[in-house]
């Protein structure tokens, strides 16, 4: 598992982020304080405080380089 910080500070960024990660079969969790939600859930993302960076937990088996390349526009 890899954890990175991302910024989703606009509606367009949230939509593009969800579209980007749904191409992967792995699980992604967004962690904000004590809340953990499925990163592929657009409704779940909008329930978080998006004004500050959020931790993204990537549950993959050795494919982190490709995933991080796709996530580059959102990384803090």
PDB file of N, CA and C in Angstrom:
ATOM      1  N   UNK A   1       0.843  -1.183   0.000  1.00  0.00           N
ATOM      2  CA  UNK A   1       0.000   0.000   0.000  1.00  0.00           C
ATOM      3  C   UNK A   1       0.888   1.247   0.000  1.00  0.00           C
ATOM      4  N   UNK A   2       0.517   2.213  -0.810  1.00  0.00           N
ATOM      5  CA  UNK A   2       1.213   3.489  -0.896  1.00  0.00           C
ATOM      6  C   UNK A   2       0.249   4.590  -0.503  1.00  0.00           C
ATOM      7  N   UNK A   3       0.735   5.598   0.226  1.00  0.00           N
ATOM      8  CA  UNK A   3      -0.103   6.742   0.596  1.00  0.00           C
ATOM      9  C   UNK A   3       0.536   8.018   0.081  1.00  0.00           C
ATOM     10  N   UNK A   4      -0.265   8.837  -0.606  1.00  0.00           N
ATOM     11  CA  UNK A   4       0.184  10.129  -1.117  1.00  0.00           C
ATOM     12  C   UNK A   4      -0.841  11.187  -0.748  1.00  0.00           C
ATOM     13  N   UNK A   5      -0.430  12.458  -0.782  1.00  0.00           N
ATOM     14  CA  UNK A   5      -1.364  13.540  -0.531  1.00  0.00           C
ATOM     15  C   UNK A   5      -1.793  14.134  -1.859  1.00  0.00           C
ATOM     16  N   UNK A   6      -3.114  14.378  -1.980  1.00  0.00           N
ATOM     17  CA  UNK A   6      -3.646  14.970  -3.203  1.00  0.00           C
ATOM     18  C   UNK A   6      -4.490  16.187  -2.853  1.00  0.00           C
ATOM     19  N   UNK A   7      -4.708  17.024  -3.856  1.00  0.00           N
ATOM     20  CA  UNK A   7      -5.555  18.205  -3.703  1.00  0.00           C
ATOM     21  C   UNK A   7      -6.676  18.121  -4.719  1.00  0.00           C
ATOM     22  N   UNK A   8      -7.918  18.191  -4.240  1.00  0.00           N
ATOM     23  CA  UNK A   8      -9.103  18.168  -5.108  1.00  0.00           C
ATOM     24  C   UNK A   8      -9.937  19.408  -4.778  1.00  0.00           C
ATOM     25  N   UNK A   9      -9.443  20.574  -5.187  1.00  0.00           N
ATOM     26  CA  UNK A   9     -10.058  21.823  -4.752  1.00  0.00           C
ATOM     27  C   UNK A   9     -11.057  22.425  -5.739  1.00  0.00           C
ATOM     28  N   UNK A  10     -11.514  21.643  -6.721  1.00  0.00           N
ATOM     29  CA  UNK A  10     -12.565  22.121  -7.620  1.00  0.00           C
ATOM     30  C   UNK A  10     -13.414  20.940  -8.093  1.00  0.00           C
ATOM     31  N   UNK A  11     -14.621  21.249  -8.530  1.00  0.00           N
ATOM     32  CA  UNK A  11     -15.537  20.203  -8.995  1.00  0.00           C
ATOM     33  C   UNK A  11     -14.951  19.488 -10.218  1.00  0.00           C
ATOM     34  N   UNK A  12     -14.353  20.261 -11.131  1.00  0.00           N
ATOM     35  CA  UNK A  12     -13.763  19.653 -12.331  1.00  0.00           C
ATOM     36  C   UNK A  12     -12.615  18.715 -11.979  1.00  0.00           C
ATOM     37  N   UNK A  13     -11.812  19.099 -10.968  1.00  0.00           N
ATOM     38  CA  UNK A  13     -10.706  18.243 -10.534  1.00  0.00           C
ATOM     39  C   UNK A  13     -11.231  16.934  -9.948  1.00  0.00           C
ATOM     40  N   UNK A  14     -12.314  17.000  -9.179  1.00  0.00           N
ATOM     41  CA  UNK A  14     -12.896  15.791  -8.585  1.00  0.00           C
ATOM     42  C   UNK A  14     -13.383  14.859  -9.692  1.00  0.00           C
ATOM     43  N   UNK A  15     -14.100  15.385 -10.662  1.00  0.00           N
ATOM     44  CA  UNK A  15     -14.611  14.551 -11.757  1.00  0.00           C
ATOM     45  C   UNK A  15     -13.470  13.921 -12.551  1.00  0.00           C
ATOM     46  N   UNK A  16     -12.447  14.704 -12.864  1.00  0.00           N
ATOM     47  CA  UNK A  16     -11.311  14.175 -13.625  1.00  0.00           C
ATOM     48  C   UNK A  16     -10.552  13.125 -12.814  1.00  0.00           C
ATOM     49  N   UNK A  17     -10.410  13.351 -11.493  1.00  0.00           N
ATOM     50  CA  UNK A  17      -9.731  12.396 -10.622  1.00  0.00           C
ATOM     51  C   UNK A  17     -10.463  11.055 -10.601  1.00  0.00           C
ATOM     52  N   UNK A  18     -11.771  11.086 -10.414  1.00  0.00           N
ATOM     53  CA  UNK A  18     -12.560   9.839 -10.368  1.00  0.00           C
ATOM     54  C   UNK A  18     -12.455   9.114 -11.706  1.00  0.00           C
ATOM     55  N   UNK A  19     -12.539   9.845 -12.814  1.00  0.00           N
ATOM     56  CA  UNK A  19     -12.396   9.215 -14.141  1.00  0.00           C
ATOM     57  C   UNK A  19     -11.016   8.591 -14.312  1.00  0.00           C
ATOM     58  N   UNK A  20      -9.987   9.257 -13.773  1.00  0.00           N
ATOM     59  CA  UNK A  20      -8.617   8.747 -13.914  1.00  0.00           C
ATOM     60  C   UNK A  20      -8.400   7.453 -13.142  1.00  0.00           C
ATOM     61  N   UNK A  21      -8.907   7.375 -11.909  1.00  0.00           N
ATOM     62  CA  UNK A  21      -8.615   6.179 -11.102  1.00  0.00           C
ATOM     63  C   UNK A  21      -9.558   5.013 -11.378  1.00  0.00           C
ATOM     64  N   UNK A  22     -10.709   5.271 -12.001  1.00  0.00           N
ATOM     65  CA  UNK A  22     -11.606   4.143 -12.295  1.00  0.00           C
ATOM     66  C   UNK A  22     -11.052   3.237 -13.379  1.00  0.00           C
ATOM     67  N   UNK A  23      -9.996   3.672 -14.093  1.00  0.00           N
ATOM     68  CA  UNK A  23      -9.386   2.796 -15.095  1.00  0.00           C
ATOM     69  C   UNK A  23      -8.548   1.687 -14.452  1.00  0.00           C
ATOM     70  N   UNK A  24      -8.272   1.809 -13.153  1.00  0.00           N
ATOM     71  CA  UNK A  24      -7.501   0.790 -12.434  1.00  0.00           C
ATOM     72  C   UNK A  24      -8.443  -0.105 -11.629  1.00  0.00           C
ATOM     73  N   UNK A  25      -8.094  -1.377 -11.527  1.00  0.00           N
ATOM     74  CA  UNK A  25      -8.919  -2.325 -10.778  1.00  0.00           C
ATOM     75  C   UNK A  25      -8.636  -2.295  -9.283  1.00  0.00           C
ATOM     76  N   UNK A  26      -7.593  -1.579  -8.870  1.00  0.00           N
ATOM     77  CA  UNK A  26      -7.195  -1.557  -7.464  1.00  0.00           C
ATOM     78  C   UNK A  26      -8.161  -0.716  -6.635  1.00  0.00           C
ATOM     79  N   UNK A  27      -8.075  -0.910  -5.308  1.00  0.00           N
ATOM     80  CA  UNK A  27      -8.872  -0.102  -4.389  1.00  0.00           C
ATOM     81  C   UNK A  27      -8.099   1.155  -4.023  1.00  0.00           C
ATOM     82  N   UNK A  28      -8.830   2.263  -3.918  1.00  0.00           N
ATOM     83  CA  UNK A  28      -8.277   3.544  -3.518  1.00  0.00           C
ATOM     84  C   UNK A  28      -9.145   4.095  -2.394  1.00  0.00           C
ATOM     85  N   UNK A  29      -8.529   4.539  -1.305  1.00  0.00           N
ATOM     86  CA  UNK A  29      -9.263   5.136  -0.194  1.00  0.00           C
ATOM     87  C   UNK A  29      -8.776   6.558   0.031  1.00  0.00           C
ATOM     88  N   UNK A  30      -9.723   7.462   0.281  1.00  0.00           N
ATOM     89  CA  UNK A  30      -9.370   8.819   0.668  1.00  0.00           C
ATOM     90  C   UNK A  30      -9.540   8.933   2.175  1.00  0.00           C
ATOM     91  N   UNK A  31      -8.546   9.493   2.848  1.00  0.00           N
ATOM     92  CA  UNK A  31      -8.540   9.577   4.304  1.00  0.00           C
ATOM     93  C   UNK A  31      -8.457  11.049   4.698  1.00  0.00           C
ATOM     94  N   UNK A  32      -9.473  11.512   5.384  1.00  0.00           N
ATOM     95  CA  UNK A  32      -9.526  12.897   5.861  1.00  0.00           C
ATOM     96  C   UNK A  32      -9.929  12.855   7.323  1.00  0.00           C
ATOM     97  N   UNK A  33      -8.948  13.061   8.204  1.00  0.00           N
ATOM     98  CA  UNK A  33      -9.234  12.948   9.638  1.00  0.00           C
ATOM     99  C   UNK A  33      -9.605  11.529   9.979  1.00  0.00           C
ATOM    100  N   UNK A  34     -10.786  11.357  10.563  1.00  0.00           N
ATOM    101  CA  UNK A  34     -11.229  10.003  10.928  1.00  0.00           C
ATOM    102  C   UNK A  34     -12.126   9.358   9.881  1.00  0.00           C
ATOM    103  N   UNK A  35     -12.315  10.050   8.767  1.00  0.00           N
ATOM    104  CA  UNK A  35     -13.170   9.526   7.703  1.00  0.00           C
ATOM    105  C   UNK A  35     -12.335   8.832   6.628  1.00  0.00           C
ATOM    106  N   UNK A  36     -12.802   7.650   6.218  1.00  0.00           N
ATOM    107  CA  UNK A  36     -12.180   6.904   5.123  1.00  0.00           C
ATOM    108  C   UNK A  36     -13.291   6.578   4.130  1.00  0.00           C
ATOM    109  N   UNK A  37     -13.128   7.040   2.897  1.00  0.00           N
ATOM    110  CA  UNK A  37     -14.154   6.780   1.883  1.00  0.00           C
ATOM    111  C   UNK A  37     -13.512   6.184   0.637  1.00  0.00           C
ATOM    112  N   UNK A  38     -14.334   5.533  -0.172  1.00  0.00           N
ATOM    113  CA  UNK A  38     -13.883   4.965  -1.442  1.00  0.00           C
ATOM    114  C   UNK A  38     -13.584   6.118  -2.403  1.00  0.00           C
ATOM    115  N   UNK A  39     -12.370   6.195  -2.908  1.00  0.00           N
ATOM    116  CA  UNK A  39     -11.968   7.296  -3.781  1.00  0.00           C
ATOM    117  C   UNK A  39     -12.672   7.256  -5.143  1.00  0.00           C
ATOM    118  N   UNK A  40     -13.303   6.154  -5.474  1.00  0.00           N
ATOM    119  CA  UNK A  40     -14.025   6.067  -6.745  1.00  0.00           C
ATOM    120  C   UNK A  40     -15.471   6.544  -6.602  1.00  0.00           C
ATOM    121  N   UNK A  41     -15.859   6.975  -5.405  1.00  0.00           N
ATOM    122  CA  UNK A  41     -17.212   7.459  -5.139  1.00  0.00           C
ATOM    123  C   UNK A  41     -17.232   8.982  -5.172  1.00  0.00           C
ATOM    124  N   UNK A  42     -17.834   9.522  -6.214  1.00  0.00           N
ATOM    125  CA  UNK A  42     -17.871  10.974  -6.354  1.00  0.00           C
ATOM    126  C   UNK A  42     -18.684  11.613  -5.226  1.00  0.00           C
ATOM    127  N   UNK A  43     -19.755  10.958  -4.816  1.00  0.00           N
ATOM    128  CA  UNK A  43     -20.574  11.489  -3.710  1.00  0.00           C
ATOM    129  C   UNK A  43     -19.790  11.448  -2.397  1.00  0.00           C
ATOM    130  N   UNK A  44     -19.032  10.388  -2.203  1.00  0.00           N
ATOM    131  CA  UNK A  44     -18.207  10.288  -1.001  1.00  0.00           C
ATOM    132  C   UNK A  44     -17.164  11.385  -0.933  1.00  0.00           C
ATOM    133  N   UNK A  45     -16.554  11.689  -2.077  1.00  0.00           N
ATOM    134  CA  UNK A  45     -15.527  12.738  -2.114  1.00  0.00           C
ATOM    135  C   UNK A  45     -16.126  14.082  -1.728  1.00  0.00           C
ATOM    136  N   UNK A  46     -17.319  14.380  -2.224  1.00  0.00           N
ATOM    137  CA  UNK A  46     -17.939  15.669  -1.913  1.00  0.00           C
ATOM    138  C   UNK A  46     -18.378  15.771  -0.456  1.00  0.00           C
ATOM    139  N   UNK A  47     -18.368  14.664   0.280  1.00  0.00           N
ATOM    140  CA  UNK A  47     -18.698  14.721   1.707  1.00  0.00           C
ATOM    141  C   UNK A  47     -17.486  15.117   2.554  1.00  0.00           C
ATOM    142  N   UNK A  48     -16.301  15.193   1.930  1.00  0.00           N
ATOM    143  CA  UNK A  48     -15.075  15.541   2.645  1.00  0.00           C
ATOM    144  C   UNK A  48     -14.796  17.039   2.553  1.00  0.00           C
ATOM    145  N   UNK A  49     -13.927  17.522   3.444  1.00  0.00           N
ATOM    146  CA  UNK A  49     -13.453  18.901   3.394  1.00  0.00           C
ATOM    147  C   UNK A  49     -12.375  18.989   2.321  1.00  0.00           C
ATOM    148  N   UNK A  50     -12.716  19.577   1.179  1.00  0.00           N
ATOM    149  CA  UNK A  50     -11.803  19.611   0.037  1.00  0.00           C
ATOM    150  C   UNK A  50     -10.923  20.859   0.017  1.00  0.00           C
ATOM    151  N   UNK A  51     -10.993  21.667   1.056  1.00  0.00           N
ATOM    152  CA  UNK A  51     -10.205  22.900   1.086  1.00  0.00           C
ATOM    153  C   UNK A  51      -8.746  22.658   1.448  1.00  0.00           C
ATOM    154  N   UNK A  52      -8.437  21.453   1.936  1.00  0.00           N
ATOM    155  CA  UNK A  52      -7.048  21.124   2.278  1.00  0.00           C
ATOM    156  C   UNK A  52      -6.693  19.766   1.671  1.00  0.00           C
ATOM    157  N   UNK A  53      -5.399  19.460   1.575  1.00  0.00           N
ATOM    158  CA  UNK A  53      -4.989  18.180   0.975  1.00  0.00           C
ATOM    159  C   UNK A  53      -5.554  16.970   1.732  1.00  0.00           C
ATOM    160  N   UNK A  54      -5.764  15.894   0.980  1.00  0.00           N
ATOM    161  CA  UNK A  54      -6.345  14.657   1.499  1.00  0.00           C
ATOM    162  C   UNK A  54      -5.352  13.528   1.234  1.00  0.00           C
ATOM    163  N   UNK A  55      -5.286  12.565   2.153  1.00  0.00           N
ATOM    164  CA  UNK A  55      -4.428  11.395   1.958  1.00  0.00           C
ATOM    165  C   UNK A  55      -5.143  10.385   1.067  1.00  0.00           C
ATOM    166  N   UNK A  56      -4.424   9.857   0.090  1.00  0.00           N
ATOM    167  CA  UNK A  56      -4.943   8.824  -0.802  1.00  0.00           C
ATOM    168  C   UNK A  56      -4.147   7.550  -0.568  1.00  0.00           C
ATOM    169  N   UNK A  57      -4.834   6.493  -0.130  1.00  0.00           N
ATOM    170  CA  UNK A  57      -4.204   5.188   0.067  1.00  0.00           C
ATOM    171  C   UNK A  57      -4.455   4.348  -1.188  1.00  0.00           C
ATOM    172  N   UNK A  58      -3.359   3.891  -1.794  1.00  0.00           N
ATOM    173  CA  UNK A  58      -3.435   3.101  -3.021  1.00  0.00           C
ATOM    174  C   UNK A  58      -3.127   1.650  -2.663  1.00  0.00           C
ATOM    175  N   UNK A  59      -4.100   0.770  -2.871  1.00  0.00           N
ATOM    176  CA  UNK A  59      -3.933  -0.650  -2.541  1.00  0.00           C
ATOM    177  C   UNK A  59      -3.622  -1.414  -3.830  1.00  0.00           C
ATOM    178  N   UNK A  60      -2.355  -1.402  -4.234  1.00  0.00           N
ATOM    179  CA  UNK A  60      -1.964  -2.079  -5.475  1.00  0.00           C
ATOM    180  C   UNK A  60      -0.795  -3.011  -5.203  1.00  0.00           C
ATOM    181  N   UNK A  61      -0.565  -3.879  -6.162  1.00  0.00           N
ATOM    182  CA  UNK A  61       0.551  -4.814  -6.038  1.00  0.00           C
ATOM    183  C   UNK A  61       1.627  -4.456  -7.058  1.00  0.00           C
ATOM    184  N   UNK A  62       2.469  -3.491  -6.725  1.00  0.00           N
ATOM    185  CA  UNK A  62       3.637  -3.197  -7.532  1.00  0.00           C
ATOM    186  C   UNK A  62       3.419  -2.380  -8.792  1.00  0.00           C
ATOM    187  N   UNK A  63       2.293  -1.735  -8.945  1.00  0.00           N
ATOM    188  CA  UNK A  63       2.024  -0.953 -10.145  1.00  0.00           C
ATOM    189  C   UNK A  63       1.995   0.547  -9.835  1.00  0.00           C
ATOM    190  N   UNK A  64       2.686   0.949  -8.761  1.00  0.00           N
ATOM    191  CA  UNK A  64       2.591   2.322  -8.269  1.00  0.00           C
ATOM    192  C   UNK A  64       3.074   3.360  -9.276  1.00  0.00           C
ATOM    193  N   UNK A  65       4.117   3.063 -10.042  1.00  0.00           N
ATOM    194  CA  UNK A  65       4.675   4.045 -10.981  1.00  0.00           C
ATOM    195  C   UNK A  65       3.635   4.493 -12.006  1.00  0.00           C
ATOM    196  N   UNK A  66       2.916   3.551 -12.563  1.00  0.00           N
ATOM    197  CA  UNK A  66       1.881   3.884 -13.557  1.00  0.00           C
ATOM    198  C   UNK A  66       0.754   4.687 -12.916  1.00  0.00           C
ATOM    199  N   UNK A  67       0.342   4.292 -11.715  1.00  0.00           N
ATOM    200  CA  UNK A  67      -0.737   4.991 -11.012  1.00  0.00           C
ATOM    201  C   UNK A  67      -0.309   6.417 -10.664  1.00  0.00           C
ATOM    202  N   UNK A  68       0.909   6.580 -10.151  1.00  0.00           N
ATOM    203  CA  UNK A  68       1.390   7.907  -9.769  1.00  0.00           C
ATOM    204  C   UNK A  68       1.533   8.820 -10.981  1.00  0.00           C
ATOM    205  N   UNK A  69       1.843   8.254 -12.139  1.00  0.00           N
ATOM    206  CA  UNK A  69       1.921   9.063 -13.365  1.00  0.00           C
ATOM    207  C   UNK A  69       0.551   9.642 -13.704  1.00  0.00           C
ATOM    208  N   UNK A  70      -0.495   8.824 -13.565  1.00  0.00           N
ATOM    209  CA  UNK A  70      -1.862   9.281 -13.836  1.00  0.00           C
ATOM    210  C   UNK A  70      -2.302  10.312 -12.794  1.00  0.00           C
ATOM    211  N   UNK A  71      -1.846  10.141 -11.560  1.00  0.00           N
ATOM    212  CA  UNK A  71      -2.256  11.037 -10.471  1.00  0.00           C
ATOM    213  C   UNK A  71      -1.429  12.313 -10.378  1.00  0.00           C
ATOM    214  N   UNK A  72      -0.428  12.475 -11.215  1.00  0.00           N
ATOM    215  CA  UNK A  72       0.490  13.623 -11.140  1.00  0.00           C
ATOM    216  C   UNK A  72      -0.213  14.979 -11.035  1.00  0.00           C
ATOM    217  N   UNK A  73      -1.309  15.240 -11.782  1.00  0.00           N
ATOM    218  CA  UNK A  73      -1.953  16.568 -11.671  1.00  0.00           C
ATOM    219  C   UNK A  73      -2.595  16.848 -10.307  1.00  0.00           C
ATOM    220  N   UNK A  74      -2.794  15.809  -9.510  1.00  0.00           N
ATOM    221  CA  UNK A  74      -3.490  15.976  -8.228  1.00  0.00           C
ATOM    222  C   UNK A  74      -2.561  15.923  -7.020  1.00  0.00           C
ATOM    223  N   UNK A  75      -1.323  15.505  -7.225  1.00  0.00           N
ATOM    224  CA  UNK A  75      -0.382  15.355  -6.111  1.00  0.00           C
ATOM    225  C   UNK A  75       0.016  16.705  -5.545  1.00  0.00           C
ATOM    226  N   UNK A  76       0.171  16.728  -4.225  1.00  0.00           N
ATOM    227  CA  UNK A  76       0.580  17.966  -3.540  1.00  0.00           C
ATOM    228  C   UNK A  76       2.092  18.055  -3.527  1.00  0.00           C
TER     229      UNK A  76
END
